[in-house]
């Protein structure tokens, strides 16, 4: 896991710091976001991987047993209902590393979060 003092400049640098079991999940998250949101730029914000379209619209982070996606989706009621099993009390998403990644949902999340910051 990343140490509190470690500062990351790239998604790749962050990925090298996480447990090996989380790396393929992070790579898949990146691929999903980049496929669903053309023009999204990789960046580091709050010292975790993020994407921006003018401003940051999606963050993700790896933990010992899960990966999380931030911030919460707010405007799509159908998507919010579908995400219920993965949402924590703040609405952020948590995906267990030992379960299949719900790729279609994550693709929808990426599009929804991008639309929230672009007004689309």
PDB file of N, CA and C in Angstrom:
ATOM      1  N   UNK A   1       0.843  -1.188   0.000  1.00  0.00           N
ATOM      2  CA  UNK A   1       0.000   0.000   0.000  1.00  0.00           C
ATOM      3  C   UNK A   1       0.885   1.247   0.000  1.00  0.00           C
ATOM      4  N   UNK A   2       0.388   2.320  -0.593  1.00  0.00           N
ATOM      5  CA  UNK A   2       1.167   3.555  -0.581  1.00  0.00           C
ATOM      6  C   UNK A   2       1.427   4.024   0.843  1.00  0.00           C
ATOM      7  N   UNK A   3       2.593   4.611   1.034  1.00  0.00           N
ATOM      8  CA  UNK A   3       2.897   5.169   2.346  1.00  0.00           C
ATOM      9  C   UNK A   3       2.342   6.590   2.398  1.00  0.00           C
ATOM     10  N   UNK A   4       2.037   7.086   3.594  1.00  0.00           N
ATOM     11  CA  UNK A   4       1.459   8.434   3.690  1.00  0.00           C
ATOM     12  C   UNK A   4       2.337   9.522   3.079  1.00  0.00           C
ATOM     13  N   UNK A   5       3.650   9.347   3.074  1.00  0.00           N
ATOM     14  CA  UNK A   5       4.546  10.377   2.557  1.00  0.00           C
ATOM     15  C   UNK A   5       4.822  10.256   1.070  1.00  0.00           C
ATOM     16  N   UNK A   6       4.487   9.136   0.486  1.00  0.00           N
ATOM     17  CA  UNK A   6       4.761   8.918  -0.928  1.00  0.00           C
ATOM     18  C   UNK A   6       3.885   9.834  -1.778  1.00  0.00           C
ATOM     19  N   UNK A   7       4.499  10.527  -2.725  1.00  0.00           N
ATOM     20  CA  UNK A   7       3.776  11.423  -3.631  1.00  0.00           C
ATOM     21  C   UNK A   7       3.866  10.852  -5.038  1.00  0.00           C
ATOM     22  N   UNK A   8       2.741  10.800  -5.721  1.00  0.00           N
ATOM     23  CA  UNK A   8       2.686  10.191  -7.041  1.00  0.00           C
ATOM     24  C   UNK A   8       2.527  11.250  -8.115  1.00  0.00           C
ATOM     25  N   UNK A   9       3.201  11.019  -9.243  1.00  0.00           N
ATOM     26  CA  UNK A   9       3.118  11.931 -10.380  1.00  0.00           C
ATOM     27  C   UNK A   9       2.286  11.351 -11.515  1.00  0.00           C
ATOM     28  N   UNK A  10       2.156  10.015 -11.552  1.00  0.00           N
ATOM     29  CA  UNK A  10       1.447   9.370 -12.651  1.00  0.00           C
ATOM     30  C   UNK A  10       0.601   8.208 -12.137  1.00  0.00           C
ATOM     31  N   UNK A  11      -0.343   7.785 -12.960  1.00  0.00           N
ATOM     32  CA  UNK A  11      -1.139   6.595 -12.638  1.00  0.00           C
ATOM     33  C   UNK A  11      -0.226   5.378 -12.501  1.00  0.00           C
ATOM     34  N   UNK A  12       0.755   5.276 -13.371  1.00  0.00           N
ATOM     35  CA  UNK A  12       1.651   4.122 -13.349  1.00  0.00           C
ATOM     36  C   UNK A  12       2.469   4.069 -12.062  1.00  0.00           C
ATOM     37  N   UNK A  13       2.929   5.203 -11.613  1.00  0.00           N
ATOM     38  CA  UNK A  13       3.691   5.257 -10.365  1.00  0.00           C
ATOM     39  C   UNK A  13       2.796   4.820  -9.199  1.00  0.00           C
ATOM     40  N   UNK A  14       1.570   5.287  -9.173  1.00  0.00           N
ATOM     41  CA  UNK A  14       0.630   4.871  -8.132  1.00  0.00           C
ATOM     42  C   UNK A  14       0.417   3.360  -8.189  1.00  0.00           C
ATOM     43  N   UNK A  15       0.173   2.823  -9.381  1.00  0.00           N
ATOM     44  CA  UNK A  15      -0.109   1.391  -9.541  1.00  0.00           C
ATOM     45  C   UNK A  15       1.052   0.533  -9.042  1.00  0.00           C
ATOM     46  N   UNK A  16       2.268   0.983  -9.232  1.00  0.00           N
ATOM     47  CA  UNK A  16       3.423   0.215  -8.751  1.00  0.00           C
ATOM     48  C   UNK A  16       3.467   0.156  -7.227  1.00  0.00           C
ATOM     49  N   UNK A  17       2.782   1.051  -6.557  1.00  0.00           N
ATOM     50  CA  UNK A  17       2.837   1.114  -5.090  1.00  0.00           C
ATOM     51  C   UNK A  17       1.768   0.263  -4.404  1.00  0.00           C
ATOM     52  N   UNK A  18       0.813  -0.273  -5.166  1.00  0.00           N
ATOM     53  CA  UNK A  18      -0.298  -1.013  -4.565  1.00  0.00           C
ATOM     54  C   UNK A  18      -0.030  -2.512  -4.634  1.00  0.00           C
ATOM     55  N   UNK A  19      -0.771  -3.306  -3.857  1.00  0.00           N
ATOM     56  CA  UNK A  19      -0.579  -4.754  -3.904  1.00  0.00           C
ATOM     57  C   UNK A  19      -0.758  -5.288  -5.328  1.00  0.00           C
ATOM     58  N   UNK A  20       0.052  -6.273  -5.708  1.00  0.00           N
ATOM     59  CA  UNK A  20      -0.019  -6.805  -7.073  1.00  0.00           C
ATOM     60  C   UNK A  20      -1.420  -7.253  -7.489  1.00  0.00           C
ATOM     61  N   UNK A  21      -2.219  -7.758  -6.581  1.00  0.00           N
ATOM     62  CA  UNK A  21      -3.570  -8.208  -6.925  1.00  0.00           C
ATOM     63  C   UNK A  21      -4.491  -7.087  -7.336  1.00  0.00           C
ATOM     64  N   UNK A  22      -4.192  -5.864  -6.936  1.00  0.00           N
ATOM     65  CA  UNK A  22      -5.034  -4.713  -7.288  1.00  0.00           C
ATOM     66  C   UNK A  22      -4.652  -4.112  -8.636  1.00  0.00           C
ATOM     67  N   UNK A  23      -3.456  -4.374  -9.109  1.00  0.00           N
ATOM     68  CA  UNK A  23      -2.971  -3.733 -10.333  1.00  0.00           C
ATOM     69  C   UNK A  23      -3.818  -4.038 -11.566  1.00  0.00           C
ATOM     70  N   UNK A  24      -4.202  -5.297 -11.799  1.00  0.00           N
ATOM     71  CA  UNK A  24      -5.051  -5.543 -12.980  1.00  0.00           C
ATOM     72  C   UNK A  24      -6.407  -4.850 -12.890  1.00  0.00           C
ATOM     73  N   UNK A  25      -6.936  -4.719 -11.696  1.00  0.00           N
ATOM     74  CA  UNK A  25      -8.230  -4.044 -11.525  1.00  0.00           C
ATOM     75  C   UNK A  25      -8.071  -2.555 -11.837  1.00  0.00           C
ATOM     76  N   UNK A  26      -6.985  -1.952 -11.362  1.00  0.00           N
ATOM     77  CA  UNK A  26      -6.744  -0.544 -11.681  1.00  0.00           C
ATOM     78  C   UNK A  26      -6.588  -0.359 -13.188  1.00  0.00           C
ATOM     79  N   UNK A  27      -5.853  -1.263 -13.824  1.00  0.00           N
ATOM     80  CA  UNK A  27      -5.671  -1.166 -15.278  1.00  0.00           C
ATOM     81  C   UNK A  27      -7.005  -1.286 -16.007  1.00  0.00           C
ATOM     82  N   UNK A  28      -7.873  -2.163 -15.534  1.00  0.00           N
ATOM     83  CA  UNK A  28      -9.180  -2.326 -16.173  1.00  0.00           C
ATOM     84  C   UNK A  28     -10.046  -1.086 -15.962  1.00  0.00           C
ATOM     85  N   UNK A  29      -9.988  -0.503 -14.763  1.00  0.00           N
ATOM     86  CA  UNK A  29     -10.712   0.747 -14.510  1.00  0.00           C
ATOM     87  C   UNK A  29     -10.250   1.834 -15.472  1.00  0.00           C
ATOM     88  N   UNK A  30      -8.954   1.956 -15.643  1.00  0.00           N
ATOM     89  CA  UNK A  30      -8.420   2.957 -16.571  1.00  0.00           C
ATOM     90  C   UNK A  30      -8.947   2.715 -17.984  1.00  0.00           C
ATOM     91  N   UNK A  31      -8.888   1.477 -18.437  1.00  0.00           N
ATOM     92  CA  UNK A  31      -9.344   1.155 -19.788  1.00  0.00           C
ATOM     93  C   UNK A  31     -10.823   1.484 -19.967  1.00  0.00           C
ATOM     94  N   UNK A  32     -11.620   1.178 -18.956  1.00  0.00           N
ATOM     95  CA  UNK A  32     -13.059   1.467 -19.041  1.00  0.00           C
ATOM     96  C   UNK A  32     -13.322   2.964 -19.135  1.00  0.00           C
ATOM     97  N   UNK A  33     -12.668   3.735 -18.278  1.00  0.00           N
ATOM     98  CA  UNK A  33     -12.873   5.188 -18.292  1.00  0.00           C
ATOM     99  C   UNK A  33     -12.434   5.759 -19.631  1.00  0.00           C
ATOM    100  N   UNK A  34     -11.268   5.357 -20.087  1.00  0.00           N
ATOM    101  CA  UNK A  34     -10.733   5.920 -21.325  1.00  0.00           C
ATOM    102  C   UNK A  34     -11.568   5.524 -22.546  1.00  0.00           C
ATOM    103  N   UNK A  35     -12.176   4.354 -22.507  1.00  0.00           N
ATOM    104  CA  UNK A  35     -13.042   3.937 -23.612  1.00  0.00           C
ATOM    105  C   UNK A  35     -14.374   4.680 -23.600  1.00  0.00           C
ATOM    106  N   UNK A  36     -14.890   4.973 -22.426  1.00  0.00           N
ATOM    107  CA  UNK A  36     -16.210   5.596 -22.304  1.00  0.00           C
ATOM    108  C   UNK A  36     -16.179   7.117 -22.380  1.00  0.00           C
ATOM    109  N   UNK A  37     -15.030   7.699 -22.045  1.00  0.00           N
ATOM    110  CA  UNK A  37     -14.937   9.162 -22.003  1.00  0.00           C
ATOM    111  C   UNK A  37     -13.737   9.612 -22.849  1.00  0.00           C
ATOM    112  N   UNK A  38     -13.916   9.630 -24.164  1.00  0.00           N
ATOM    113  CA  UNK A  38     -12.822  10.087 -25.026  1.00  0.00           C
ATOM    114  C   UNK A  38     -12.382  11.495 -24.628  1.00  0.00           C
ATOM    115  N   UNK A  39     -11.107  11.698 -24.618  1.00  0.00           N
ATOM    116  CA  UNK A  39     -10.589  13.012 -24.241  1.00  0.00           C
ATOM    117  C   UNK A  39     -10.311  13.164 -22.763  1.00  0.00           C
ATOM    118  N   UNK A  40     -10.699  12.188 -21.953  1.00  0.00           N
ATOM    119  CA  UNK A  40     -10.395  12.260 -20.523  1.00  0.00           C
ATOM    120  C   UNK A  40      -8.876  12.198 -20.349  1.00  0.00           C
ATOM    121  N   UNK A  41      -8.375  13.077 -19.521  1.00  0.00           N
ATOM    122  CA  UNK A  41      -6.934  13.143 -19.282  1.00  0.00           C
ATOM    123  C   UNK A  41      -6.597  12.517 -17.940  1.00  0.00           C
ATOM    124  N   UNK A  42      -5.576  11.687 -17.941  1.00  0.00           N
ATOM    125  CA  UNK A  42      -5.079  11.125 -16.687  1.00  0.00           C
ATOM    126  C   UNK A  42      -4.410  12.225 -15.874  1.00  0.00           C
ATOM    127  N   UNK A  43      -4.608  12.167 -14.575  1.00  0.00           N
ATOM    128  CA  UNK A  43      -3.938  13.088 -13.673  1.00  0.00           C
ATOM    129  C   UNK A  43      -3.876  12.444 -12.293  1.00  0.00           C
ATOM    130  N   UNK A  44      -3.183  13.082 -11.398  1.00  0.00           N
ATOM    131  CA  UNK A  44      -3.156  12.692  -9.985  1.00  0.00           C
ATOM    132  C   UNK A  44      -3.782  13.848  -9.215  1.00  0.00           C
ATOM    133  N   UNK A  45      -4.738  13.537  -8.382  1.00  0.00           N
ATOM    134  CA  UNK A  45      -5.381  14.545  -7.544  1.00  0.00           C
ATOM    135  C   UNK A  45      -5.606  13.925  -6.174  1.00  0.00           C
ATOM    136  N   UNK A  46      -5.332  14.672  -5.128  1.00  0.00           N
ATOM    137  CA  UNK A  46      -5.384  14.130  -3.773  1.00  0.00           C
ATOM    138  C   UNK A  46      -4.480  12.895  -3.653  1.00  0.00           C
ATOM    139  N   UNK A  47      -3.436  12.860  -4.478  1.00  0.00           N
ATOM    140  CA  UNK A  47      -2.429  11.807  -4.476  1.00  0.00           C
ATOM    141  C   UNK A  47      -2.974  10.436  -4.886  1.00  0.00           C
ATOM    142  N   UNK A  48      -4.064  10.434  -5.646  1.00  0.00           N
ATOM    143  CA  UNK A  48      -4.593   9.185  -6.207  1.00  0.00           C
ATOM    144  C   UNK A  48      -4.888   9.409  -7.692  1.00  0.00           C
ATOM    145  N   UNK A  49      -4.983   8.322  -8.470  1.00  0.00           N
ATOM    146  CA  UNK A  49      -5.291   8.480  -9.891  1.00  0.00           C
ATOM    147  C   UNK A  49      -6.664   9.121 -10.097  1.00  0.00           C
ATOM    148  N   UNK A  50      -6.717   9.952 -11.123  1.00  0.00           N
ATOM    149  CA  UNK A  50      -7.957  10.661 -11.428  1.00  0.00           C
ATOM    150  C   UNK A  50      -8.016  10.921 -12.930  1.00  0.00           C
ATOM    151  N   UNK A  51      -9.178  11.378 -13.354  1.00  0.00           N
ATOM    152  CA  UNK A  51      -9.385  11.792 -14.746  1.00  0.00           C
ATOM    153  C   UNK A  51     -10.034  13.158 -14.743  1.00  0.00           C
ATOM    154  N   UNK A  52      -9.683  13.949 -15.765  1.00  0.00           N
ATOM    155  CA  UNK A  52     -10.297  15.268 -15.882  1.00  0.00           C
ATOM    156  C   UNK A  52     -10.705  15.561 -17.310  1.00  0.00           C
ATOM    157  N   UNK A  53     -11.732  16.372 -17.382  1.00  0.00           N
ATOM    158  CA  UNK A  53     -12.203  16.997 -18.621  1.00  0.00           C
ATOM    159  C   UNK A  53     -12.379  18.462 -18.249  1.00  0.00           C
ATOM    160  N   UNK A  54     -11.313  19.202 -18.319  1.00  0.00           N
ATOM    161  CA  UNK A  54     -11.346  20.562 -17.796  1.00  0.00           C
ATOM    162  C   UNK A  54     -11.140  20.556 -16.300  1.00  0.00           C
ATOM    163  N   UNK A  55     -11.983  19.830 -15.584  1.00  0.00           N
ATOM    164  CA  UNK A  55     -11.778  19.621 -14.152  1.00  0.00           C
ATOM    165  C   UNK A  55     -11.939  18.133 -13.837  1.00  0.00           C
ATOM    166  N   UNK A  56     -11.473  17.740 -12.684  1.00  0.00           N
ATOM    167  CA  UNK A  56     -11.485  16.323 -12.320  1.00  0.00           C
ATOM    168  C   UNK A  56     -12.922  15.845 -12.167  1.00  0.00           C
ATOM    169  N   UNK A  57     -13.206  14.683 -12.772  1.00  0.00           N
ATOM    170  CA  UNK A  57     -14.553  14.130 -12.657  1.00  0.00           C
ATOM    171  C   UNK A  57     -14.578  12.752 -12.015  1.00  0.00           C
ATOM    172  N   UNK A  58     -13.439  12.053 -11.937  1.00  0.00           N
ATOM    173  CA  UNK A  58     -13.432  10.708 -11.376  1.00  0.00           C
ATOM    174  C   UNK A  58     -12.081  10.432 -10.737  1.00  0.00           C
ATOM    175  N   UNK A  59     -12.123   9.825  -9.566  1.00  0.00           N
ATOM    176  CA  UNK A  59     -10.928   9.389  -8.846  1.00  0.00           C
ATOM    177  C   UNK A  59     -11.071   7.901  -8.565  1.00  0.00           C
ATOM    178  N   UNK A  60      -9.942   7.203  -8.410  1.00  0.00           N
ATOM    179  CA  UNK A  60     -10.014   5.820  -7.956  1.00  0.00           C
ATOM    180  C   UNK A  60      -8.781   5.498  -7.125  1.00  0.00           C
ATOM    181  N   UNK A  61      -8.934   4.520  -6.252  1.00  0.00           N
ATOM    182  CA  UNK A  61      -7.840   4.157  -5.346  1.00  0.00           C
ATOM    183  C   UNK A  61      -7.921   2.680  -5.002  1.00  0.00           C
ATOM    184  N   UNK A  62      -6.758   2.108  -4.716  1.00  0.00           N
ATOM    185  CA  UNK A  62      -6.677   0.696  -4.348  1.00  0.00           C
ATOM    186  C   UNK A  62      -6.433   0.562  -2.852  1.00  0.00           C
ATOM    187  N   UNK A  63      -7.044  -0.438  -2.291  1.00  0.00           N
ATOM    188  CA  UNK A  63      -6.865  -0.776  -0.887  1.00  0.00           C
ATOM    189  C   UNK A  63      -6.538  -2.262  -0.796  1.00  0.00           C
ATOM    190  N   UNK A  64      -6.364  -2.749   0.391  1.00  0.00           N
ATOM    191  CA  UNK A  64      -5.954  -4.144   0.577  1.00  0.00           C
ATOM    192  C   UNK A  64      -6.932  -5.138  -0.039  1.00  0.00           C
ATOM    193  N   UNK A  65      -8.235  -4.899   0.127  1.00  0.00           N
ATOM    194  CA  UNK A  65      -9.247  -5.858  -0.331  1.00  0.00           C
ATOM    195  C   UNK A  65     -10.235  -5.302  -1.347  1.00  0.00           C
ATOM    196  N   UNK A  66     -10.087  -4.034  -1.712  1.00  0.00           N
ATOM    197  CA  UNK A  66     -11.036  -3.442  -2.653  1.00  0.00           C
ATOM    198  C   UNK A  66     -10.416  -2.268  -3.404  1.00  0.00           C
ATOM    199  N   UNK A  67     -11.128  -1.821  -4.418  1.00  0.00           N
ATOM    200  CA  UNK A  67     -10.824  -0.550  -5.066  1.00  0.00           C
ATOM    201  C   UNK A  67     -12.054   0.330  -4.900  1.00  0.00           C
ATOM    202  N   UNK A  68     -11.808   1.611  -4.852  1.00  0.00           N
ATOM    203  CA  UNK A  68     -12.910   2.560  -4.698  1.00  0.00           C
ATOM    204  C   UNK A  68     -12.909   3.551  -5.843  1.00  0.00           C
ATOM    205  N   UNK A  69     -14.099   4.022  -6.173  1.00  0.00           N
ATOM    206  CA  UNK A  69     -14.294   5.038  -7.204  1.00  0.00           C
ATOM    207  C   UNK A  69     -15.051   6.183  -6.546  1.00  0.00           C
ATOM    208  N   UNK A  70     -14.591   7.406  -6.817  1.00  0.00           N
ATOM    209  CA  UNK A  70     -15.154   8.620  -6.229  1.00  0.00           C
ATOM    210  C   UNK A  70     -15.391   9.632  -7.345  1.00  0.00           C
ATOM    211  N   UNK A  71     -16.134  10.656  -7.177  1.00  0.00           N
ATOM    212  CA  UNK A  71     -17.137  10.908  -6.151  1.00  0.00           C
ATOM    213  C   UNK A  71     -18.409  10.145  -6.475  1.00  0.00           C
ATOM    214  N   UNK A  72     -19.392  10.264  -5.627  1.00  0.00           N
ATOM    215  CA  UNK A  72     -20.654   9.572  -5.880  1.00  0.00           C
ATOM    216  C   UNK A  72     -21.379  10.127  -7.109  1.00  0.00           C
ATOM    217  N   UNK A  73     -22.051   9.255  -7.807  1.00  0.00           N
ATOM    218  CA  UNK A  73     -22.958   9.678  -8.874  1.00  0.00           C
ATOM    219  C   UNK A  73     -24.161  10.309  -8.178  1.00  0.00           C
ATOM    220  N   UNK A  74     -24.680  11.395  -8.718  1.00  0.00           N
ATOM    221  CA  UNK A  74     -25.780  12.085  -8.045  1.00  0.00           C
ATOM    222  C   UNK A  74     -27.031  12.240  -8.897  1.00  0.00           C
ATOM    223  N   UNK A  75     -26.902  12.293 -10.218  1.00  0.00           N
ATOM    224  CA  UNK A  75     -28.035  12.713 -11.051  1.00  0.00           C
ATOM    225  C   UNK A  75     -28.801  11.602 -11.742  1.00  0.00           C
ATOM    226  N   UNK A  76     -28.298  10.397 -11.776  1.00  0.00           N
ATOM    227  CA  UNK A  76     -28.931   9.324 -12.553  1.00  0.00           C
ATOM    228  C   UNK A  76     -29.588   8.323 -11.607  1.00  0.00           C
ATOM    229  N   UNK A  77     -30.891   8.429 -11.420  1.00  0.00           N
ATOM    230  CA  UNK A  77     -31.614   7.602 -10.449  1.00  0.00           C
ATOM    231  C   UNK A  77     -31.516   6.110 -10.765  1.00  0.00           C
ATOM    232  N   UNK A  78     -31.621   5.745 -12.042  1.00  0.00           N
ATOM    233  CA  UNK A  78     -31.519   4.330 -12.410  1.00  0.00           C
ATOM    234  C   UNK A  78     -30.132   3.783 -12.104  1.00  0.00           C
ATOM    235  N   UNK A  79     -29.124   4.569 -12.401  1.00  0.00           N
ATOM    236  CA  UNK A  79     -27.757   4.141 -12.118  1.00  0.00           C
ATOM    237  C   UNK A  79     -27.525   4.052 -10.618  1.00  0.00           C
ATOM    238  N   UNK A  80     -28.034   5.002  -9.868  1.00  0.00           N
ATOM    239  CA  UNK A  80     -27.891   4.957  -8.406  1.00  0.00           C
ATOM    240  C   UNK A  80     -28.490   3.678  -7.836  1.00  0.00           C
ATOM    241  N   UNK A  81     -29.634   3.285  -8.350  1.00  0.00           N
ATOM    242  CA  UNK A  81     -30.266   2.053  -7.880  1.00  0.00           C
ATOM    243  C   UNK A  81     -29.396   0.839  -8.212  1.00  0.00           C
ATOM    244  N   UNK A  82     -28.846   0.796  -9.414  1.00  0.00           N
ATOM    245  CA  UNK A  82     -27.998  -0.323  -9.821  1.00  0.00           C
ATOM    246  C   UNK A  82     -26.705  -0.383  -9.008  1.00  0.00           C
ATOM    247  N   UNK A  83     -26.243   0.767  -8.534  1.00  0.00           N
ATOM    248  CA  UNK A  83     -24.996   0.836  -7.774  1.00  0.00           C
ATOM    249  C   UNK A  83     -25.166   0.549  -6.284  1.00  0.00           C
ATOM    250  N   UNK A  84     -26.391   0.423  -5.829  1.00  0.00           N
ATOM    251  CA  UNK A  84     -26.664   0.256  -4.394  1.00  0.00           C
ATOM    252  C   UNK A  84     -25.785  -0.788  -3.706  1.00  0.00           C
ATOM    253  N   UNK A  85     -25.542  -1.961  -4.292  1.00  0.00           N
ATOM    254  CA  UNK A  85     -24.712  -2.951  -3.587  1.00  0.00           C
ATOM    255  C   UNK A  85     -23.256  -2.532  -3.397  1.00  0.00           C
ATOM    256  N   UNK A  86     -22.824  -1.523  -4.128  1.00  0.00           N
ATOM    257  CA  UNK A  86     -21.417  -1.110  -4.084  1.00  0.00           C
ATOM    258  C   UNK A  86     -21.202   0.219  -3.369  1.00  0.00           C
ATOM    259  N   UNK A  87     -22.274   0.897  -2.994  1.00  0.00           N
ATOM    260  CA  UNK A  87     -22.164   2.232  -2.394  1.00  0.00           C
ATOM    261  C   UNK A  87     -21.946   2.161  -0.904  1.00  0.00           C
ATOM    262  N   UNK A  88     -21.078   3.054  -0.396  1.00  0.00           N
ATOM    263  CA  UNK A  88     -20.933   3.167   1.053  1.00  0.00           C
ATOM    264  C   UNK A  88     -21.840   4.291   1.542  1.00  0.00           C
ATOM    265  N   UNK A  89     -21.737   4.619   2.812  1.00  0.00           N
ATOM    266  CA  UNK A  89     -22.652   5.610   3.388  1.00  0.00           C
ATOM    267  C   UNK A  89     -22.529   6.987   2.753  1.00  0.00           C
ATOM    268  N   UNK A  90     -21.370   7.313   2.166  1.00  0.00           N
ATOM    269  CA  UNK A  90     -21.205   8.600   1.498  1.00  0.00           C
ATOM    270  C   UNK A  90     -21.569   8.531   0.016  1.00  0.00           C
ATOM    271  N   UNK A  91     -21.848   7.327  -0.471  1.00  0.00           N
ATOM    272  CA  UNK A  91     -22.193   7.159  -1.872  1.00  0.00           C
ATOM    273  C   UNK A  91     -21.027   6.765  -2.758  1.00  0.00           C
ATOM    274  N   UNK A  92     -19.815   6.761  -2.195  1.00  0.00           N
ATOM    275  CA  UNK A  92     -18.656   6.324  -2.969  1.00  0.00           C
ATOM    276  C   UNK A  92     -18.769   4.831  -3.236  1.00  0.00           C
ATOM    277  N   UNK A  93     -18.095   4.381  -4.279  1.00  0.00           N
ATOM    278  CA  UNK A  93     -18.212   2.992  -4.710  1.00  0.00           C
ATOM    279  C   UNK A  93     -17.032   2.162  -4.236  1.00  0.00           C
ATOM    280  N   UNK A  94     -17.328   0.927  -3.886  1.00  0.00           N
ATOM    281  CA  UNK A  94     -16.311   0.015  -3.369  1.00  0.00           C
ATOM    282  C   UNK A  94     -16.497  -1.337  -4.049  1.00  0.00           C
ATOM    283  N   UNK A  95     -15.437  -1.806  -4.728  1.00  0.00           N
ATOM    284  CA  UNK A  95     -15.486  -3.062  -5.463  1.00  0.00           C
ATOM    285  C   UNK A  95     -14.455  -4.020  -4.879  1.00  0.00           C
ATOM    286  N   UNK A  96     -14.919  -5.143  -4.361  1.00  0.00           N
ATOM    287  CA  UNK A  96     -14.033  -6.142  -3.758  1.00  0.00           C
ATOM    288  C   UNK A  96     -13.100  -6.721  -4.805  1.00  0.00           C
ATOM    289  N   UNK A  97     -11.839  -6.899  -4.437  1.00  0.00           N
ATOM    290  CA  UNK A  97     -10.858  -7.454  -5.363  1.00  0.00           C
ATOM    291  C   UNK A  97     -11.103  -8.925  -5.656  1.00  0.00           C
ATOM    292  N   UNK A  98     -11.802  -9.614  -4.757  1.00  0.00           N
ATOM    293  CA  UNK A  98     -12.027 -11.046  -4.960  1.00  0.00           C
ATOM    294  C   UNK A  98     -13.350 -11.342  -5.675  1.00  0.00           C
ATOM    295  N   UNK A  99     -13.976 -10.317  -6.240  1.00  0.00           N
ATOM    296  CA  UNK A  99     -15.217 -10.486  -7.007  1.00  0.00           C
ATOM    297  C   UNK A  99     -15.026  -9.881  -8.389  1.00  0.00           C
ATOM    298  N   UNK A 100     -15.784 -10.370  -9.369  1.00  0.00           N
ATOM    299  CA  UNK A 100     -15.665  -9.788 -10.717  1.00  0.00           C
ATOM    300  C   UNK A 100     -16.036  -8.302 -10.709  1.00  0.00           C
ATOM    301  N   UNK A 101     -15.292  -7.545 -11.465  1.00  0.00           N
ATOM    302  CA  UNK A 101     -15.547  -6.115 -11.583  1.00  0.00           C
ATOM    303  C   UNK A 101     -16.797  -5.900 -12.438  1.00  0.00           C
ATOM    304  N   UNK A 102     -17.775  -5.154 -11.950  1.00  0.00           N
ATOM    305  CA  UNK A 102     -18.990  -4.902 -12.741  1.00  0.00           C
ATOM    306  C   UNK A 102     -18.710  -3.854 -13.825  1.00  0.00           C
ATOM    307  N   UNK A 103     -18.102  -4.308 -14.890  1.00  0.00           N
ATOM    308  CA  UNK A 103     -17.582  -3.402 -15.919  1.00  0.00           C
ATOM    309  C   UNK A 103     -18.650  -2.520 -16.557  1.00  0.00           C
ATOM    310  N   UNK A 104     -19.801  -3.077 -16.843  1.00  0.00           N
ATOM    311  CA  UNK A 104     -20.851  -2.265 -17.471  1.00  0.00           C
ATOM    312  C   UNK A 104     -21.285  -1.131 -16.547  1.00  0.00           C
ATOM    313  N   UNK A 105     -21.370  -1.409 -15.262  1.00  0.00           N
ATOM    314  CA  UNK A 105     -21.736  -0.354 -14.300  1.00  0.00           C
ATOM    315  C   UNK A 105     -20.652   0.711 -14.212  1.00  0.00           C
ATOM    316  N   UNK A 106     -19.410   0.279 -14.185  1.00  0.00           N
ATOM    317  CA  UNK A 106     -18.311   1.245 -14.093  1.00  0.00           C
ATOM    318  C   UNK A 106     -18.271   2.115 -15.344  1.00  0.00           C
ATOM    319  N   UNK A 107     -18.540   1.536 -16.493  1.00  0.00           N
ATOM    320  CA  UNK A 107     -18.600   2.322 -17.728  1.00  0.00           C
ATOM    321  C   UNK A 107     -19.688   3.387 -17.623  1.00  0.00           C
ATOM    322  N   UNK A 108     -20.835   3.001 -17.093  1.00  0.00           N
ATOM    323  CA  UNK A 108     -21.932   3.964 -16.907  1.00  0.00           C
ATOM    324  C   UNK A 108     -21.552   5.046 -15.907  1.00  0.00           C
ATOM    325  N   UNK A 109     -20.850   4.675 -14.850  1.00  0.00           N
ATOM    326  CA  UNK A 109     -20.397   5.634 -13.836  1.00  0.00           C
ATOM    327  C   UNK A 109     -19.469   6.656 -14.482  1.00  0.00           C
ATOM    328  N   UNK A 110     -18.506   6.187 -15.268  1.00  0.00           N
ATOM    329  CA  UNK A 110     -17.569   7.097 -15.910  1.00  0.00           C
ATOM    330  C   UNK A 110     -18.301   8.108 -16.787  1.00  0.00           C
ATOM    331  N   UNK A 111     -19.243   7.631 -17.573  1.00  0.00           N
ATOM    332  CA  UNK A 111     -20.012   8.540 -18.440  1.00  0.00           C
ATOM    333  C   UNK A 111     -20.843   9.531 -17.610  1.00  0.00           C
ATOM    334  N   UNK A 112     -21.485   9.028 -16.564  1.00  0.00           N
ATOM    335  CA  UNK A 112     -22.337   9.883 -15.725  1.00  0.00           C
ATOM    336  C   UNK A 112     -21.525  10.952 -15.018  1.00  0.00           C
ATOM    337  N   UNK A 113     -20.377  10.590 -14.459  1.00  0.00           N
ATOM    338  CA  UNK A 113     -19.548  11.571 -13.750  1.00  0.00           C
ATOM    339  C   UNK A 113     -18.979  12.598 -14.719  1.00  0.00           C
ATOM    340  N   UNK A 114     -18.586  12.152 -15.905  1.00  0.00           N
ATOM    341  CA  UNK A 114     -18.093  13.097 -16.912  1.00  0.00           C
ATOM    342  C   UNK A 114     -19.205  14.075 -17.293  1.00  0.00           C
ATOM    343  N   UNK A 115     -20.412  13.569 -17.464  1.00  0.00           N
ATOM    344  CA  UNK A 115     -21.536  14.442 -17.827  1.00  0.00           C
ATOM    345  C   UNK A 115     -21.837  15.440 -16.714  1.00  0.00           C
ATOM    346  N   UNK A 116     -21.655  15.042 -15.469  1.00  0.00           N
ATOM    347  CA  UNK A 116     -21.924  15.954 -14.362  1.00  0.00           C
ATOM    348  C   UNK A 116     -20.991  17.158 -14.369  1.00  0.00           C
ATOM    349  N   UNK A 117     -19.718  16.972 -14.772  1.00  0.00           N
ATOM    350  CA  UNK A 117     -18.800  18.110 -14.778  1.00  0.00           C
ATOM    351  C   UNK A 117     -18.823  18.905 -16.074  1.00  0.00           C
ATOM    352  N   UNK A 118     -19.294  18.291 -17.151  1.00  0.00           N
ATOM    353  CA  UNK A 118     -19.337  19.009 -18.426  1.00  0.00           C
ATOM    354  C   UNK A 118     -20.703  19.604 -18.723  1.00  0.00           C
ATOM    355  N   UNK A 119     -21.678  19.265 -17.872  1.00  0.00           N
ATOM    356  CA  UNK A 119     -23.022  19.774 -18.093  1.00  0.00           C
ATOM    357  C   UNK A 119     -23.785  18.994 -19.147  1.00  0.00           C
ATOM    358  N   UNK A 120     -23.239  17.819 -19.505  1.00  0.00           N
ATOM    359  CA  UNK A 120     -23.870  17.000 -20.554  1.00  0.00           C
ATOM    360  C   UNK A 120     -24.962  16.118 -20.086  1.00  0.00           C
TER     361      UNK A 120
END
